């Protein structure tokens, strides 16, 4: 099965949290591989359990993919 890997721009358009299979697709992983890695604690970014759901934050995805999470304005912090 071919996994459709989203672009960085598509990941930035994700909601604040995404389900585990969607997050896994960002790394070229299928559904089963994503759940197996999460179960082993080896998913490429932190996985949160919300009730029965496993989710990943958009910010954690972008950081794991090496993308900036916020636009910089060039000003002082």
N, C-alpha and C. Protein backbone atom coordinates (compact mmCIF):
# COMPACT_ATOMS: atom_id res chain seq x y z
N UNK A 1 0.83 -1.18 0.00
CA UNK A 1 0.00 0.00 0.00
C UNK A 1 0.87 1.24 0.00
N UNK A 2 0.57 2.17 -0.87
CA UNK A 2 1.33 3.41 -0.96
C UNK A 2 0.75 4.44 0.00
N UNK A 3 1.61 5.06 0.80
CA UNK A 3 1.18 6.07 1.75
C UNK A 3 1.37 7.44 1.11
N UNK A 4 0.33 8.26 1.16
CA UNK A 4 0.39 9.62 0.62
C UNK A 4 1.03 10.52 1.67
N UNK A 5 2.26 10.96 1.43
CA UNK A 5 2.99 11.79 2.38
C UNK A 5 2.64 13.26 2.14
N UNK A 6 2.06 13.94 3.14
CA UNK A 6 1.70 15.34 2.96
C UNK A 6 2.92 16.25 2.92
N UNK A 7 2.78 17.38 2.25
CA UNK A 7 3.85 18.38 2.21
C UNK A 7 3.86 19.16 3.52
N UNK A 8 4.93 19.93 3.74
CA UNK A 8 5.03 20.75 4.95
C UNK A 8 3.87 21.75 5.01
N UNK A 9 3.50 22.31 3.87
CA UNK A 9 2.38 23.26 3.84
C UNK A 9 1.08 22.58 4.23
N UNK A 10 0.89 21.34 3.80
CA UNK A 10 -0.32 20.61 4.17
C UNK A 10 -0.32 20.30 5.67
N UNK A 11 0.83 19.96 6.22
CA UNK A 11 0.92 19.68 7.66
C UNK A 11 0.58 20.95 8.44
N UNK A 12 1.07 22.11 8.00
CA UNK A 12 0.75 23.36 8.68
C UNK A 12 -0.74 23.66 8.66
N UNK A 13 -1.46 23.14 7.68
CA UNK A 13 -2.90 23.35 7.57
C UNK A 13 -3.70 22.35 8.41
N UNK A 14 -3.05 21.36 9.02
CA UNK A 14 -3.73 20.40 9.87
C UNK A 14 -4.36 21.11 11.06
N UNK A 15 -5.34 20.46 11.68
CA UNK A 15 -5.89 20.97 12.93
C UNK A 15 -4.81 20.86 14.01
N UNK A 16 -5.07 21.40 15.18
CA UNK A 16 -4.07 21.44 16.26
C UNK A 16 -3.59 20.04 16.63
N UNK A 17 -4.50 19.06 16.62
CA UNK A 17 -4.11 17.67 16.83
C UNK A 17 -4.63 16.84 15.66
N UNK A 18 -3.89 15.78 15.34
CA UNK A 18 -4.31 14.87 14.27
C UNK A 18 -4.26 13.44 14.81
N UNK A 19 -5.05 12.57 14.19
CA UNK A 19 -5.05 11.18 14.63
C UNK A 19 -3.73 10.51 14.26
N UNK A 20 -3.46 9.40 14.89
CA UNK A 20 -2.18 8.72 14.71
C UNK A 20 -1.91 8.28 13.27
N UNK A 21 -2.88 7.71 12.55
CA UNK A 21 -2.59 7.33 11.16
C UNK A 21 -2.22 8.53 10.28
N UNK A 22 -2.87 9.68 10.51
CA UNK A 22 -2.53 10.88 9.74
C UNK A 22 -1.11 11.33 10.08
N UNK A 23 -0.77 11.33 11.36
CA UNK A 23 0.58 11.70 11.77
C UNK A 23 1.60 10.74 11.19
N UNK A 24 1.30 9.46 11.21
CA UNK A 24 2.20 8.46 10.65
C UNK A 24 2.44 8.66 9.17
N UNK A 25 1.41 9.10 8.46
CA UNK A 25 1.57 9.32 7.01
C UNK A 25 2.62 10.38 6.71
N UNK A 26 2.83 11.31 7.65
CA UNK A 26 3.85 12.35 7.46
C UNK A 26 5.26 11.76 7.43
N UNK A 27 5.41 10.58 8.00
CA UNK A 27 6.70 9.89 8.02
C UNK A 27 6.74 8.71 7.06
N UNK A 28 5.70 8.58 6.23
CA UNK A 28 5.64 7.49 5.27
C UNK A 28 5.22 6.17 5.90
N UNK A 29 4.57 6.24 7.06
CA UNK A 29 4.14 5.04 7.78
C UNK A 29 2.67 4.76 7.51
N UNK A 30 2.33 3.51 7.45
CA UNK A 30 0.94 3.10 7.33
C UNK A 30 0.28 3.06 8.69
N UNK A 31 -1.01 2.75 8.71
CA UNK A 31 -1.79 2.73 9.95
C UNK A 31 -1.22 1.73 10.95
N UNK A 32 -1.01 0.49 10.53
CA UNK A 32 -0.53 -0.54 11.45
C UNK A 32 0.85 -0.21 12.01
N UNK A 33 1.74 0.25 11.16
CA UNK A 33 3.09 0.60 11.62
C UNK A 33 3.03 1.76 12.62
N UNK A 34 2.15 2.72 12.38
CA UNK A 34 2.02 3.86 13.29
C UNK A 34 1.58 3.40 14.67
N UNK A 35 0.55 2.55 14.72
CA UNK A 35 0.07 2.06 16.01
C UNK A 35 1.11 1.17 16.69
N UNK A 36 1.82 0.35 15.93
CA UNK A 36 2.86 -0.50 16.52
C UNK A 36 3.98 0.33 17.13
N UNK A 37 4.43 1.36 16.42
CA UNK A 37 5.48 2.23 16.97
C UNK A 37 5.00 2.97 18.21
N UNK A 38 3.77 3.45 18.18
CA UNK A 38 3.22 4.15 19.35
C UNK A 38 3.14 3.21 20.55
N UNK A 39 2.72 1.98 20.31
CA UNK A 39 2.61 0.98 21.39
C UNK A 39 3.98 0.71 22.01
N UNK A 40 5.03 0.74 21.17
CA UNK A 40 6.39 0.47 21.65
C UNK A 40 7.06 1.72 22.21
N UNK A 41 6.40 2.87 22.08
CA UNK A 41 7.01 4.13 22.54
C UNK A 41 8.07 4.62 21.59
N UNK A 42 8.02 4.20 20.33
CA UNK A 42 9.06 4.53 19.36
C UNK A 42 8.55 5.39 18.21
N UNK A 43 7.36 5.99 18.34
CA UNK A 43 6.86 6.86 17.28
C UNK A 43 7.78 8.07 17.20
N UNK A 44 8.00 8.63 16.00
CA UNK A 44 8.99 9.71 15.83
C UNK A 44 8.71 11.00 16.60
N UNK A 45 7.52 11.17 17.17
CA UNK A 45 7.22 12.35 17.99
C UNK A 45 6.26 11.93 19.10
N UNK A 46 6.09 12.78 20.11
CA UNK A 46 5.23 12.41 21.24
C UNK A 46 3.78 12.12 20.83
N UNK A 47 3.24 11.06 21.39
CA UNK A 47 1.85 10.66 21.14
C UNK A 47 1.06 10.89 22.42
N UNK A 48 -0.09 11.54 22.29
CA UNK A 48 -0.95 11.82 23.44
C UNK A 48 -2.16 10.90 23.40
N UNK A 49 -2.57 10.42 24.56
CA UNK A 49 -3.78 9.61 24.65
C UNK A 49 -4.89 10.51 25.18
N UNK A 50 -5.93 10.68 24.38
CA UNK A 50 -7.11 11.46 24.78
C UNK A 50 -8.29 10.49 24.83
N UNK A 51 -8.56 9.99 26.02
CA UNK A 51 -9.56 8.93 26.14
C UNK A 51 -9.04 7.68 25.46
N UNK A 52 -9.76 7.22 24.45
CA UNK A 52 -9.31 6.05 23.70
C UNK A 52 -8.52 6.44 22.46
N UNK A 53 -8.50 7.72 22.13
CA UNK A 53 -7.83 8.19 20.91
C UNK A 53 -6.35 8.46 21.15
N UNK A 54 -5.54 8.17 20.15
CA UNK A 54 -4.13 8.53 20.15
C UNK A 54 -3.96 9.65 19.14
N UNK A 55 -3.40 10.78 19.60
CA UNK A 55 -3.25 11.93 18.73
C UNK A 55 -1.83 12.49 18.84
N UNK A 56 -1.48 13.31 17.86
CA UNK A 56 -0.19 13.99 17.83
C UNK A 56 -0.49 15.46 17.55
N UNK A 57 0.24 16.35 18.21
CA UNK A 57 0.02 17.76 17.95
C UNK A 57 0.71 18.17 16.65
N UNK A 58 0.14 19.16 15.99
CA UNK A 58 0.73 19.68 14.76
C UNK A 58 2.13 20.22 15.03
N UNK A 59 2.31 20.91 16.16
CA UNK A 59 3.62 21.47 16.50
C UNK A 59 4.67 20.37 16.65
N UNK A 60 4.31 19.27 17.30
CA UNK A 60 5.25 18.15 17.48
C UNK A 60 5.60 17.52 16.14
N UNK A 61 4.61 17.43 15.25
CA UNK A 61 4.86 16.89 13.91
C UNK A 61 5.86 17.77 13.15
N UNK A 62 5.59 19.06 13.15
CA UNK A 62 6.47 19.98 12.43
C UNK A 62 7.88 19.95 12.99
N UNK A 63 8.00 19.88 14.31
CA UNK A 63 9.33 19.82 14.93
C UNK A 63 10.05 18.54 14.54
N UNK A 64 9.35 17.41 14.58
CA UNK A 64 9.97 16.13 14.22
C UNK A 64 10.37 16.09 12.75
N UNK A 65 9.63 16.82 11.92
CA UNK A 65 9.94 16.88 10.49
C UNK A 65 11.02 17.93 10.17
N UNK A 66 11.45 18.67 11.20
CA UNK A 66 12.49 19.68 11.01
C UNK A 66 11.98 20.95 10.38
N UNK A 67 10.69 21.21 10.53
CA UNK A 67 10.07 22.43 10.00
C UNK A 67 9.84 23.42 11.12
N UNK A 68 9.93 24.71 10.81
CA UNK A 68 9.66 25.74 11.81
C UNK A 68 8.19 25.66 12.20
N UNK A 69 7.91 25.81 13.49
CA UNK A 69 6.53 25.74 13.95
C UNK A 69 5.84 27.09 13.93
N UNK A 70 6.60 28.17 14.00
CA UNK A 70 6.01 29.51 13.98
C UNK A 70 6.78 30.37 13.01
N UNK A 71 6.07 31.30 12.42
CA UNK A 71 6.73 32.25 11.52
C UNK A 71 7.52 33.23 12.37
N UNK A 72 8.70 33.57 11.93
CA UNK A 72 9.49 34.55 12.64
C UNK A 72 9.29 35.91 12.02
N UNK A 73 9.19 36.93 12.86
CA UNK A 73 8.95 38.27 12.35
C UNK A 73 10.22 39.11 12.33
N UNK A 74 11.32 38.55 12.79
CA UNK A 74 12.60 39.26 12.77
C UNK A 74 12.76 40.24 13.91
N UNK A 75 11.73 40.37 14.74
CA UNK A 75 11.78 41.32 15.86
C UNK A 75 12.37 40.67 17.09
N UNK A 76 12.48 41.47 18.13
CA UNK A 76 13.01 40.99 19.40
C UNK A 76 11.97 40.10 20.08
N UNK A 77 12.42 39.13 20.89
CA UNK A 77 11.49 38.21 21.56
C UNK A 77 10.60 38.87 22.57
